[in-house]
N, C-alpha and C. Protein backbone atom coordinates (compact mmCIF):
# COMPACT_ATOMS: atom_id res chain seq x y z
N MET A 1 2.31 32.50 11.63
CA MET A 1 1.33 32.32 9.94
C MET A 1 1.83 31.42 9.76
N THR A 2 3.18 30.86 9.62
CA THR A 2 3.56 29.54 9.73
C THR A 2 2.62 28.70 10.49
N THR A 3 2.94 28.18 11.59
CA THR A 3 1.67 27.87 12.26
C THR A 3 0.80 27.37 11.84
N VAL A 4 -0.20 28.76 11.40
CA VAL A 4 -1.67 28.42 10.92
C VAL A 4 -1.59 27.82 10.00
N THR A 5 -0.82 28.14 8.91
CA THR A 5 -0.92 27.64 7.72
C THR A 5 -0.66 26.20 7.85
N ALA A 6 0.46 25.59 8.30
CA ALA A 6 0.66 24.47 8.69
C ALA A 6 -0.39 23.69 9.02
N SER A 7 -1.30 24.11 9.75
CA SER A 7 -2.37 23.87 10.90
C SER A 7 -3.80 23.65 9.73
N ARG A 8 -3.69 24.31 8.94
CA ARG A 8 -4.63 24.28 8.13
C ARG A 8 -4.70 23.15 6.65
N ARG A 9 -3.15 22.95 6.38
CA ARG A 9 -2.46 22.10 5.50
C ARG A 9 -2.96 20.79 6.37
N ASP A 10 -2.78 20.43 7.48
CA ASP A 10 -3.44 18.88 7.99
C ASP A 10 -4.61 18.92 8.23
N THR A 11 -5.63 19.83 8.34
CA THR A 11 -7.10 19.21 9.06
C THR A 11 -7.42 18.26 8.23
N PRO A 12 -8.34 17.53 8.46
CA PRO A 12 -8.97 16.06 7.92
C PRO A 12 -9.64 16.58 6.36
N ALA A 13 -10.14 17.45 6.24
CA ALA A 13 -10.91 17.68 5.19
C ALA A 13 -9.58 18.23 4.08
N VAL A 14 -8.78 19.12 4.05
CA VAL A 14 -7.39 18.87 3.33
C VAL A 14 -6.85 17.76 3.15
N ALA A 15 -6.19 16.88 3.78
CA ALA A 15 -5.94 15.26 4.01
C ALA A 15 -6.59 14.72 2.90
N LEU A 16 -7.65 14.99 3.94
CA LEU A 16 -8.76 13.35 2.90
C LEU A 16 -9.31 14.16 1.39
N ALA A 17 -8.41 15.36 0.96
CA ALA A 17 -8.93 15.80 -0.34
C ALA A 17 -7.39 15.72 -1.01
N ALA A 18 -6.50 15.58 -0.35
CA ALA A 18 -5.48 15.34 -1.03
C ALA A 18 -5.26 13.71 -1.34
N VAL A 19 -5.47 12.85 -0.35
CA VAL A 19 -5.32 11.80 -0.85
C VAL A 19 -6.29 11.13 -1.64
N THR A 20 -7.39 11.86 -1.41
CA THR A 20 -8.59 11.46 -2.64
C THR A 20 -8.00 11.72 -4.33
N ALA A 21 -7.43 13.18 -4.15
CA ALA A 21 -7.01 13.78 -5.99
C ALA A 21 -5.96 12.57 -6.02
N PHE A 22 -5.11 12.39 -5.35
CA PHE A 22 -3.86 11.48 -5.47
C PHE A 22 -4.47 10.00 -6.19
N GLY A 23 -5.15 9.49 -5.11
CA GLY A 23 -5.65 8.05 -5.73
C GLY A 23 -6.37 8.36 -6.79
N LEU A 24 -6.94 9.31 -7.42
CA LEU A 24 -8.08 9.17 -8.44
C LEU A 24 -6.91 9.01 -9.37
N LEU A 25 -5.63 9.99 -9.75
CA LEU A 25 -4.80 10.32 -10.69
C LEU A 25 -4.11 8.71 -10.59
N LEU A 26 -3.78 8.20 -9.65
CA LEU A 26 -3.10 7.16 -9.61
C LEU A 26 -3.86 6.03 -10.37
N GLY A 27 -4.97 5.92 -9.69
CA GLY A 27 -5.98 5.09 -10.90
C GLY A 27 -6.01 4.89 -12.37
N TRP A 28 -5.97 6.60 -12.58
CA TRP A 28 -5.87 7.09 -14.10
C TRP A 28 -4.87 6.38 -14.68
N ALA A 29 -3.78 6.90 -14.23
CA ALA A 29 -2.51 6.37 -14.55
C ALA A 29 -2.11 4.82 -14.81
N THR A 30 -2.44 4.34 -13.96
CA THR A 30 -2.56 2.80 -13.83
C THR A 30 -2.86 2.35 -14.89
N TYR A 31 -4.51 2.72 -15.46
CA TYR A 31 -4.93 2.40 -16.74
C TYR A 31 -4.43 3.12 -18.01
N THR A 32 -4.15 4.22 -18.00
CA THR A 32 -3.45 4.94 -19.13
C THR A 32 -2.50 4.15 -19.53
N LEU A 33 -1.62 3.77 -18.43
CA LEU A 33 -0.14 3.39 -18.68
C LEU A 33 0.44 1.97 -19.18
N HIS A 34 -1.13 1.22 -19.38
CA HIS A 34 -0.97 -0.43 -20.10
C HIS A 34 -0.57 -0.14 -21.63
N GLY A 35 0.02 -1.04 -21.98
CA GLY A 35 1.18 -1.34 -23.00
C GLY A 35 1.78 -0.21 -23.15
N THR A 36 2.45 0.70 -22.53
CA THR A 36 3.67 1.54 -22.79
C THR A 36 4.78 0.75 -22.61
N THR A 37 5.39 1.16 -21.64
CA THR A 37 6.72 0.08 -21.23
C THR A 37 6.91 -0.63 -20.01
N PRO A 38 7.09 -1.84 -20.32
CA PRO A 38 7.00 -2.76 -19.24
C PRO A 38 7.48 -2.29 -17.78
N LEU A 39 8.24 -1.32 -17.53
CA LEU A 39 8.53 -0.53 -16.15
C LEU A 39 7.40 0.43 -15.66
N LEU A 40 6.89 1.17 -16.83
CA LEU A 40 5.85 2.07 -16.48
C LEU A 40 4.69 1.25 -16.10
N GLU A 41 4.33 -0.05 -16.69
CA GLU A 41 3.03 -0.33 -16.69
C GLU A 41 3.38 -1.28 -14.99
N ARG A 42 4.20 -2.05 -14.62
CA ARG A 42 4.25 -2.40 -13.76
C ARG A 42 4.58 -1.74 -12.48
N ALA A 43 5.49 -0.58 -12.35
CA ALA A 43 5.10 0.71 -11.77
C ALA A 43 4.15 1.12 -11.27
N THR A 44 2.98 1.55 -11.86
CA THR A 44 1.61 1.61 -11.78
C THR A 44 0.49 0.57 -11.27
N ASN A 45 0.61 -0.42 -11.99
CA ASN A 45 -0.14 -1.58 -12.55
C ASN A 45 0.27 -2.59 -11.29
N SER A 46 0.01 -1.94 -10.01
CA SER A 46 1.20 -3.07 -8.98
C SER A 46 0.28 -2.59 -7.85
N VAL A 47 -0.05 -3.91 -7.17
CA VAL A 47 -0.70 -3.83 -5.45
C VAL A 47 0.19 -3.00 -4.65
N SER A 48 1.42 -3.19 -4.90
CA SER A 48 2.65 -2.54 -3.63
C SER A 48 2.56 -1.29 -4.20
N THR A 49 2.87 -0.65 -5.74
CA THR A 49 2.72 0.30 -5.69
C THR A 49 1.25 1.29 -4.99
N TRP A 50 0.12 0.74 -5.12
CA TRP A 50 -1.04 1.24 -4.88
C TRP A 50 -0.91 1.58 -3.25
N ILE A 51 -0.53 0.82 -2.37
CA ILE A 51 -0.36 -0.18 -1.07
C ILE A 51 0.39 1.09 -0.42
N VAL A 52 2.03 0.87 -1.29
CA VAL A 52 2.78 1.74 -0.45
C VAL A 52 2.91 3.53 -0.44
N TRP A 53 2.12 3.94 -1.53
CA TRP A 53 1.57 5.31 -1.49
C TRP A 53 0.73 5.30 -0.30
N THR A 54 0.00 4.77 -0.28
CA THR A 54 -1.14 4.74 0.85
C THR A 54 -0.66 4.99 2.24
N ALA A 55 0.66 4.30 2.20
CA ALA A 55 1.23 3.86 3.54
C ALA A 55 2.22 5.46 3.82
N LEU A 56 2.79 5.45 2.59
CA LEU A 56 3.22 6.81 2.70
C LEU A 56 2.49 7.88 3.41
N ALA A 57 1.24 8.11 2.39
CA ALA A 57 0.12 8.71 2.91
C ALA A 57 -0.03 8.90 4.25
N GLY A 58 -0.09 8.05 5.04
CA GLY A 58 -0.21 7.82 6.49
C GLY A 58 0.78 8.75 7.15
N ALA A 59 1.67 8.07 7.10
CA ALA A 59 3.28 8.74 7.67
C ALA A 59 3.00 10.43 7.51
N LEU A 60 2.60 10.88 6.27
CA LEU A 60 2.60 12.37 6.25
C LEU A 60 1.46 13.55 6.42
N VAL A 61 0.37 12.53 7.58
CA VAL A 61 -0.61 13.12 8.81
C VAL A 61 -0.15 12.99 10.13
N ARG A 62 -0.74 13.34 10.79
CA ARG A 62 -0.65 14.25 12.14
C ARG A 62 -1.20 13.03 13.13
N THR A 63 -2.39 12.47 12.71
CA THR A 63 -3.16 11.97 13.83
C THR A 63 -3.21 10.61 13.22
N ARG A 64 -3.59 9.29 14.45
CA ARG A 64 -3.39 8.02 14.03
C ARG A 64 -4.81 7.83 13.27
N TRP A 65 -5.93 8.48 13.73
CA TRP A 65 -7.39 8.09 12.91
C TRP A 65 -7.11 8.68 11.88
N LEU A 66 -6.71 10.17 11.36
CA LEU A 66 -6.79 10.17 10.17
C LEU A 66 -6.05 9.43 9.19
N ALA A 67 -5.06 9.53 9.27
CA ALA A 67 -3.72 8.02 8.90
C ALA A 67 -4.95 7.04 8.46
N VAL A 68 -5.77 6.11 9.27
CA VAL A 68 -6.62 4.90 9.02
C VAL A 68 -7.28 5.57 7.88
N TRP A 69 -8.04 6.64 8.14
CA TRP A 69 -9.62 7.20 7.37
C TRP A 69 -8.24 7.54 5.61
N SER A 70 -7.55 7.86 5.83
CA SER A 70 -7.13 8.38 4.40
C SER A 70 -6.32 6.83 3.35
N GLY A 71 -5.93 6.16 4.65
CA GLY A 71 -5.53 4.56 3.68
C GLY A 71 -6.95 4.13 3.00
N GLY A 72 -8.14 4.21 3.66
CA GLY A 72 -9.21 3.76 3.15
C GLY A 72 -9.71 4.44 2.08
N VAL A 73 -9.97 6.08 2.21
CA VAL A 73 -10.20 6.82 1.23
C VAL A 73 -9.45 6.66 0.04
N MET A 74 -8.41 6.69 0.22
CA MET A 74 -7.08 6.80 -0.96
C MET A 74 -7.02 5.33 -1.85
N MET A 75 -7.65 4.31 -1.41
CA MET A 75 -7.67 2.84 -1.95
C MET A 75 -9.06 3.05 -2.86
N LEU A 76 -10.05 3.47 -2.42
CA LEU A 76 -10.95 3.83 -2.68
C LEU A 76 -11.02 4.85 -4.04
N ALA A 77 -10.32 5.47 -3.89
CA ALA A 77 -10.34 6.58 -4.65
C ALA A 77 -9.25 6.53 -6.19
N THR A 78 -8.42 5.55 -5.76
CA THR A 78 -7.79 4.79 -6.50
C THR A 78 -8.64 3.55 -7.83
N CYS A 79 -9.26 2.82 -6.87
CA CYS A 79 -10.17 1.97 -7.62
C CYS A 79 -11.28 3.10 -8.57
N ALA A 80 -11.69 4.10 -7.87
CA ALA A 80 -12.36 4.59 -8.76
C ALA A 80 -11.61 5.22 -9.45
N GLY A 81 -10.61 6.19 -9.76
CA GLY A 81 -9.69 6.22 -11.09
C GLY A 81 -9.32 5.42 -11.95
N TYR A 82 -9.24 4.53 -11.60
CA TYR A 82 -9.08 3.19 -12.81
C TYR A 82 -10.21 2.73 -13.08
N TYR A 83 -11.49 2.10 -12.58
CA TYR A 83 -12.19 1.76 -13.38
C TYR A 83 -13.01 2.89 -14.08
N LEU A 84 -13.21 3.80 -13.54
CA LEU A 84 -14.27 4.99 -14.26
C LEU A 84 -13.38 5.53 -15.62
N THR A 85 -12.07 5.37 -15.77
CA THR A 85 -10.98 5.60 -17.22
C THR A 85 -11.22 4.44 -17.89
N ALA A 86 -11.31 3.13 -16.97
CA ALA A 86 -11.54 2.10 -17.94
C ALA A 86 -13.15 1.59 -18.34
N GLY A 87 -13.63 2.09 -17.84
CA GLY A 87 -15.40 1.85 -17.78
C GLY A 87 -15.44 1.02 -17.22
N VAL A 88 -16.41 1.08 -16.45
CA VAL A 88 -17.05 -0.01 -15.29
C VAL A 88 -17.58 -1.35 -16.33
N GLY A 89 -18.92 -1.02 -17.12
CA GLY A 89 -18.99 -2.11 -18.07
C GLY A 89 -19.42 -3.18 -17.12
N ASP A 90 -18.55 -4.42 -17.79
CA ASP A 90 -18.64 -6.00 -17.41
C ASP A 90 -17.66 -6.33 -16.15
N THR A 91 -16.95 -5.48 -15.95
CA THR A 91 -15.89 -4.97 -14.29
C THR A 91 -16.31 -4.91 -13.70
N LEU A 92 -17.53 -4.41 -13.44
CA LEU A 92 -18.26 -4.16 -11.99
C LEU A 92 -18.28 -5.31 -11.33
N GLY A 93 -18.02 -6.58 -11.11
CA GLY A 93 -18.00 -7.08 -10.05
C GLY A 93 -16.55 -6.96 -9.41
N THR A 94 -15.44 -7.28 -10.62
CA THR A 94 -13.46 -7.01 -10.12
C THR A 94 -13.76 -5.64 -9.56
N ALA A 95 -14.19 -4.54 -9.89
CA ALA A 95 -14.21 -3.05 -9.42
C ALA A 95 -14.95 -3.39 -7.53
N VAL A 96 -16.21 -4.07 -7.63
CA VAL A 96 -16.12 -4.31 -5.90
C VAL A 96 -15.59 -4.71 -5.08
N VAL A 97 -14.89 -5.86 -5.95
CA VAL A 97 -13.99 -6.53 -5.10
C VAL A 97 -12.50 -5.97 -4.85
N TRP A 98 -12.14 -5.28 -5.81
CA TRP A 98 -11.02 -4.51 -5.86
C TRP A 98 -11.64 -3.40 -4.35
N SER A 99 -12.26 -2.76 -4.69
CA SER A 99 -12.78 -1.41 -3.61
C SER A 99 -12.93 -2.44 -2.01
N ALA A 100 -13.34 -3.65 -1.98
CA ALA A 100 -13.67 -4.02 -0.78
C ALA A 100 -11.96 -4.35 -0.32
N ALA A 101 -11.39 -4.71 -1.14
CA ALA A 101 -9.60 -5.18 -1.05
C ALA A 101 -9.53 -3.93 0.00
N GLY A 102 -9.36 -2.62 -1.15
CA GLY A 102 -8.75 -1.53 -0.33
C GLY A 102 -9.20 -1.06 0.84
N LEU A 103 -10.58 -1.28 0.87
CA LEU A 103 -10.99 -1.02 2.57
C LEU A 103 -10.70 -1.74 3.33
N ALA A 104 -10.27 -2.97 3.16
CA ALA A 104 -9.65 -3.84 4.22
C ALA A 104 -8.18 -3.54 4.47
N GLY A 105 -7.49 -3.29 3.26
CA GLY A 105 -6.01 -3.09 3.11
C GLY A 105 -5.47 -1.57 3.63
N GLY A 106 -6.50 -0.58 2.77
CA GLY A 106 -6.30 0.78 2.99
C GLY A 106 -5.87 0.94 4.26
N PRO A 107 -6.57 1.41 5.24
CA PRO A 107 -6.38 1.84 6.77
C PRO A 107 -5.75 0.72 7.37
N LEU A 108 -5.14 -0.36 7.21
CA LEU A 108 -4.13 -0.96 8.14
C LEU A 108 -2.56 -0.58 7.31
N LEU A 109 -2.51 -0.01 5.90
CA LEU A 109 -1.41 0.63 6.03
C LEU A 109 -1.09 1.98 5.96
N GLY A 110 -2.38 2.93 5.95
CA GLY A 110 -2.45 4.23 6.59
C GLY A 110 -1.87 4.15 7.78
N TRP A 111 -2.39 3.18 8.77
CA TRP A 111 -2.11 3.14 10.09
C TRP A 111 -0.43 2.67 10.31
N GLY A 112 -0.24 2.09 9.47
CA GLY A 112 1.43 1.54 9.33
C GLY A 112 1.93 2.23 8.83
N GLY A 113 1.94 3.83 8.25
CA GLY A 113 2.65 4.61 7.86
C GLY A 113 2.44 5.62 9.35
N TRP A 114 2.20 5.82 9.54
CA TRP A 114 1.59 6.68 10.50
C TRP A 114 2.08 5.71 11.57
N THR A 115 1.89 4.56 12.11
CA THR A 115 2.72 4.08 12.96
C THR A 115 4.28 4.41 12.91
N VAL A 116 5.04 3.34 12.08
CA VAL A 116 6.66 3.88 11.71
C VAL A 116 6.95 5.23 12.14
N ARG A 117 6.17 5.96 11.85
CA ARG A 117 7.01 7.60 11.83
C ARG A 117 6.74 7.90 13.24
N HIS A 118 5.14 8.04 13.88
CA HIS A 118 4.85 8.53 15.26
C HIS A 118 4.42 7.55 16.25
N GLY A 119 4.50 6.48 16.00
CA GLY A 119 3.98 5.72 16.94
C GLY A 119 5.34 5.38 18.04
N GLN A 120 4.88 4.57 19.07
CA GLN A 120 6.23 4.20 19.99
C GLN A 120 6.03 2.66 20.03
N GLY A 121 7.11 2.17 20.73
CA GLY A 121 7.48 0.96 21.22
C GLY A 121 7.93 -0.12 20.01
N ASP A 122 7.22 -1.08 19.98
CA ASP A 122 7.48 -2.26 19.49
C ASP A 122 6.34 -2.30 18.05
N ARG A 123 5.40 -1.50 18.36
CA ARG A 123 4.07 -1.48 17.51
C ARG A 123 5.05 -0.79 16.28
N ARG A 124 6.02 0.02 16.21
CA ARG A 124 6.44 0.50 14.84
C ARG A 124 7.16 -0.41 14.30
N ALA A 125 7.94 -1.14 14.54
CA ALA A 125 8.45 -2.42 14.26
C ALA A 125 7.76 -3.36 13.17
N VAL A 126 6.55 -3.60 13.96
CA VAL A 126 5.13 -4.47 13.36
C VAL A 126 4.53 -3.72 12.53
N ALA A 127 4.46 -2.31 12.45
CA ALA A 127 4.27 -1.75 11.74
C ALA A 127 4.75 -1.64 10.11
N GLY A 128 6.23 -1.39 10.24
CA GLY A 128 6.81 -1.61 9.22
C GLY A 128 6.95 -2.65 8.57
N ALA A 129 6.94 -3.87 9.38
CA ALA A 129 6.70 -5.49 8.58
C ALA A 129 5.39 -5.38 7.77
N ALA A 130 4.46 -4.69 8.23
CA ALA A 130 3.23 -4.40 7.75
C ALA A 130 3.32 -3.66 6.53
N VAL A 131 4.09 -3.02 6.09
CA VAL A 131 4.43 -2.25 5.40
C VAL A 131 5.11 -2.95 4.08
N THR A 132 6.33 -3.48 4.52
CA THR A 132 7.51 -4.33 3.50
C THR A 132 6.32 -5.46 3.05
N MET A 133 5.65 -6.05 3.85
CA MET A 133 5.39 -7.52 3.15
C MET A 133 4.34 -7.46 2.06
N VAL A 134 3.93 -6.23 1.69
CA VAL A 134 2.89 -6.03 0.28
C VAL A 134 4.04 -6.38 -1.16
N VAL A 135 5.34 -5.86 -1.01
CA VAL A 135 5.88 -6.12 -1.52
C VAL A 135 6.58 -7.33 -1.84
N LEU A 136 7.45 -7.83 -0.84
CA LEU A 136 7.48 -9.45 -0.75
C LEU A 136 6.34 -10.09 -1.10
N GLY A 137 5.30 -10.02 -0.59
CA GLY A 137 3.92 -10.77 -0.93
C GLY A 137 3.83 -10.79 -2.58
N GLU A 138 3.64 -9.66 -2.94
CA GLU A 138 3.46 -9.50 -4.50
C GLU A 138 4.40 -9.93 -5.11
N GLY A 139 5.87 -10.30 -4.79
CA GLY A 139 7.34 -11.01 -5.39
C GLY A 139 6.86 -12.33 -4.99
N LEU A 140 6.14 -12.80 -3.92
CA LEU A 140 5.76 -14.41 -4.19
C LEU A 140 4.86 -14.66 -5.17
N TRP A 141 4.07 -13.74 -4.99
CA TRP A 141 3.02 -14.24 -6.09
C TRP A 141 3.07 -14.13 -7.40
N LEU A 142 4.06 -13.28 -8.07
CA LEU A 142 4.52 -13.21 -9.17
C LEU A 142 5.73 -14.38 -9.27
N GLY A 143 6.04 -15.01 -8.70
CA GLY A 143 6.86 -16.16 -8.73
C GLY A 143 6.21 -17.21 -8.55
N VAL A 144 5.42 -17.42 -7.14
CA VAL A 144 4.81 -19.38 -7.12
C VAL A 144 3.74 -18.93 -7.71
N LYS A 145 3.03 -17.84 -8.45
CA LYS A 145 1.63 -17.99 -8.70
C LYS A 145 1.51 -18.01 -10.31
N LEU A 146 2.60 -16.84 -10.63
CA LEU A 146 2.50 -16.49 -12.09
C LEU A 146 3.60 -17.18 -12.69
N HIS A 147 4.56 -17.41 -12.02
CA HIS A 147 6.06 -17.90 -12.15
C HIS A 147 6.75 -16.84 -13.15
N SER A 148 6.52 -15.77 -12.67
CA SER A 148 7.27 -15.03 -13.63
C SER A 148 8.37 -14.59 -13.30
N TRP A 149 9.38 -15.04 -12.60
CA TRP A 149 10.51 -15.32 -11.36
C TRP A 149 11.57 -13.58 -12.09
N GLY A 150 11.58 -13.40 -13.21
CA GLY A 150 12.29 -11.92 -13.30
C GLY A 150 11.80 -10.82 -12.58
N GLU A 151 10.64 -10.88 -13.07
CA GLU A 151 9.69 -9.35 -11.92
C GLU A 151 9.73 -9.90 -10.42
N ALA A 152 9.50 -11.41 -10.42
CA ALA A 152 9.41 -11.82 -8.76
C ALA A 152 10.72 -11.15 -7.88
N THR A 153 11.61 -11.65 -9.00
CA THR A 153 13.08 -11.25 -7.98
C THR A 153 13.04 -9.51 -7.86
N VAL A 154 12.77 -8.81 -8.67
CA VAL A 154 13.19 -7.70 -8.48
C VAL A 154 12.03 -7.30 -7.50
N PHE A 155 11.11 -7.37 -7.20
CA PHE A 155 9.80 -7.17 -5.94
C PHE A 155 10.79 -7.83 -5.01
N LEU A 156 10.95 -8.97 -4.85
CA LEU A 156 11.86 -9.58 -3.67
C LEU A 156 12.73 -8.71 -3.35
N ALA A 157 13.66 -8.57 -4.32
CA ALA A 157 14.66 -7.33 -3.88
C ALA A 157 14.75 -5.90 -3.08
N VAL A 158 13.24 -5.75 -4.00
CA VAL A 158 13.00 -4.05 -3.38
C VAL A 158 12.59 -4.40 -1.82
N GLY A 159 11.69 -4.94 -1.80
CA GLY A 159 10.99 -5.67 -0.70
C GLY A 159 12.12 -5.70 0.68
N ALA A 160 13.14 -6.65 0.01
CA ALA A 160 14.09 -7.07 0.93
C ALA A 160 14.91 -5.44 1.72
N LEU A 161 15.32 -4.60 0.53
CA LEU A 161 15.76 -3.57 0.72
C LEU A 161 15.13 -2.46 1.56
N LEU A 162 13.81 -2.28 0.96
CA LEU A 162 12.81 -1.68 1.83
C LEU A 162 12.81 -1.66 3.38
N THR A 163 12.82 -3.42 3.82
CA THR A 163 12.59 -3.93 4.95
C THR A 163 14.00 -3.30 5.64
N ALA A 164 15.30 -3.54 5.14
CA ALA A 164 16.08 -3.31 5.51
C ALA A 164 16.52 -1.62 6.23
N ASP A 165 16.01 -0.76 5.15
CA ASP A 165 15.49 0.57 5.04
C ASP A 165 14.89 0.55 6.15
N LEU A 166 14.11 0.25 6.52
CA LEU A 166 12.84 0.40 7.67
C LEU A 166 13.68 -0.11 8.66
N SER A 167 14.05 -0.99 8.76
CA SER A 167 14.86 -1.25 9.95
C SER A 167 15.85 -0.41 10.26
N ALA A 168 16.59 0.16 9.60
CA ALA A 168 17.50 0.66 10.06
C ALA A 168 17.07 2.36 10.79
N TYR A 169 16.11 2.62 10.01
CA TYR A 169 15.32 4.01 10.04
C TYR A 169 15.18 3.64 11.87
N LEU A 170 14.31 2.73 12.27
CA LEU A 170 13.63 2.17 13.53
C LEU A 170 15.21 2.24 14.27
N ALA A 171 15.92 1.04 14.19
CA ALA A 171 17.01 1.51 14.82
C ALA A 171 17.68 2.67 15.49
N ARG A 172 17.87 3.31 14.42
CA ARG A 172 18.05 4.93 14.44
C ARG A 172 17.17 5.92 15.73
N ALA A 173 16.40 5.51 15.51
CA ALA A 173 14.81 6.09 15.99
C ALA A 173 14.98 6.11 17.33
N GLY A 174 16.01 4.36 17.97
CA GLY A 174 15.42 4.60 19.21
C GLY A 174 14.82 3.15 19.70
N VAL A 175 14.15 2.23 18.81
CA VAL A 175 13.25 1.12 18.97
C VAL A 175 13.97 0.00 19.40
N ARG A 176 13.88 -0.60 20.39
CA ARG A 176 14.54 -1.47 21.23
C ARG A 176 14.33 -2.74 20.39
N ARG A 177 13.25 -3.11 19.65
CA ARG A 177 13.45 -4.06 19.11
C ARG A 177 13.28 -4.23 17.59
N TRP A 178 13.74 -3.24 17.27
CA TRP A 178 13.62 -2.86 15.75
C TRP A 178 14.21 -3.73 14.87
N TRP A 179 14.49 -4.73 15.13
CA TRP A 179 14.95 -6.22 14.44
C TRP A 179 13.15 -6.87 14.31
N LEU A 180 12.38 -6.52 14.72
CA LEU A 180 11.45 -7.47 14.41
C LEU A 180 10.78 -7.15 12.86
N CYS A 181 10.78 -5.67 12.71
CA CYS A 181 10.61 -5.60 11.56
C CYS A 181 11.24 -6.96 10.65
N ALA A 182 12.31 -6.98 10.19
CA ALA A 182 13.17 -7.56 9.67
C ALA A 182 12.58 -9.32 9.81
N VAL A 183 11.81 -9.34 11.30
CA VAL A 183 11.65 -10.99 11.48
C VAL A 183 10.00 -10.95 10.43
N LEU A 184 9.26 -10.09 11.14
CA LEU A 184 8.35 -10.65 10.75
C LEU A 184 7.56 -9.96 9.56
N ALA A 185 8.37 -9.36 8.73
CA ALA A 185 8.33 -9.30 7.27
C ALA A 185 8.07 -9.85 6.59
N PRO A 186 9.00 -11.34 6.22
CA PRO A 186 8.45 -12.25 5.36
C PRO A 186 7.36 -13.44 5.73
N LEU A 187 7.16 -12.64 7.49
CA LEU A 187 6.09 -13.76 7.91
C LEU A 187 4.89 -13.36 7.43
N PHE A 188 4.72 -12.12 7.38
CA PHE A 188 3.54 -11.35 7.32
C PHE A 188 3.37 -11.41 5.41
N ALA A 189 4.70 -11.48 4.95
CA ALA A 189 4.44 -11.64 3.16
C ALA A 189 3.65 -12.54 3.35
N GLY A 190 3.99 -13.78 3.68
CA GLY A 190 3.78 -15.64 3.59
C GLY A 190 1.86 -15.38 3.75
N ALA A 191 1.52 -14.37 4.66
CA ALA A 191 0.28 -14.51 5.11
C ALA A 191 -0.60 -13.32 3.97
N PHE A 192 0.13 -12.31 3.18
CA PHE A 192 -0.25 -11.56 2.60
C PHE A 192 -0.71 -12.32 1.32
N TYR A 193 0.34 -13.49 1.06
CA TYR A 193 0.34 -14.62 -0.34
C TYR A 193 -0.76 -15.24 0.03
N LEU A 194 -1.21 -15.94 1.04
CA LEU A 194 -2.11 -16.67 1.07
C LEU A 194 -3.37 -15.83 0.81
N ALA A 195 -3.35 -15.33 1.40
CA ALA A 195 -4.79 -14.26 0.90
C ALA A 195 -5.01 -13.62 -0.18
N GLU A 196 -3.93 -13.43 -0.65
CA GLU A 196 -4.33 -13.01 -2.27
C GLU A 196 -4.87 -14.55 -3.24
N PHE A 197 -4.19 -15.35 -2.76
CA PHE A 197 -4.41 -17.19 -2.96
C PHE A 197 -5.99 -17.54 -2.88
N PHE A 198 -6.08 -17.39 -1.93
CA PHE A 198 -7.21 -18.38 -0.96
C PHE A 198 -8.58 -17.59 -1.02
N VAL A 199 -8.44 -15.89 -1.12
CA VAL A 199 -9.57 -14.89 -1.04
C VAL A 199 -9.68 -14.21 -1.84
N LEU A 200 -8.68 -13.07 -2.61
CA LEU A 200 -8.75 -12.14 -3.31
C LEU A 200 -8.93 -12.83 -4.94
N ASP A 201 -7.98 -13.72 -5.12
CA ASP A 201 -7.73 -14.40 -6.40
C ASP A 201 -9.02 -15.14 -6.69
N ARG A 202 -9.37 -15.75 -5.92
CA ARG A 202 -10.95 -16.76 -5.90
C ARG A 202 -12.06 -15.75 -6.52
N LEU A 203 -11.95 -14.44 -5.26
CA LEU A 203 -12.98 -13.82 -5.93
C LEU A 203 -13.03 -13.14 -6.85
N ILE A 204 -12.16 -12.77 -7.52
CA ILE A 204 -11.81 -11.79 -8.80
C ILE A 204 -12.24 -13.12 -9.90
N GLY A 205 -11.79 -14.45 -9.88
CA GLY A 205 -12.27 -15.66 -10.96
C GLY A 205 -13.28 -15.73 -10.67
N ALA A 206 -14.35 -15.56 -9.73
CA ALA A 206 -15.84 -15.37 -9.80
C ALA A 206 -16.35 -14.43 -10.59
N PHE A 207 -15.75 -13.35 -11.25
CA PHE A 207 -16.73 -12.01 -12.00
C PHE A 207 -15.68 -12.82 -13.59
């Protein structure tokens, strides 16, 4: 009975329904918590928060391709939850841009979460760096672009702690080059920042 129940919970339909529901809830919370407290607002209205949850969802399913699909679906659902709550109206162009960004980043982070937990070899360390780059990259964005160094310091510290925790986890799991996670994370974070600066920010500014 336990095996049957577990297998049913891990079917694609159940997994995709779960990430869709959670994404809609996260998108709703992001908009609803605007203007409440700085901590709650930043905790939900954050690229890092959206994507780290996506990586966690990928880690919780058993197959790689389901993790990839879950990542994309969750990001679309999160965007839908946010913009349906806010009312699309004049923000349709921005909603399309964020949805496209979610379709690009969601599958990658879903794969990253799955690979850290279930993958093999050095790719687990690379995937770990891909997950933590988002937090570090957002820290760079808040500091360098927005000059909010107080918030930036928090994000950079959390990103560094997450990188250290994942590196330790990979070392305990027997990954030979576990240290690649720590080496690649800041490099990936720089690439993430540049993608936000040269692509995402300019696309959003066009609407």
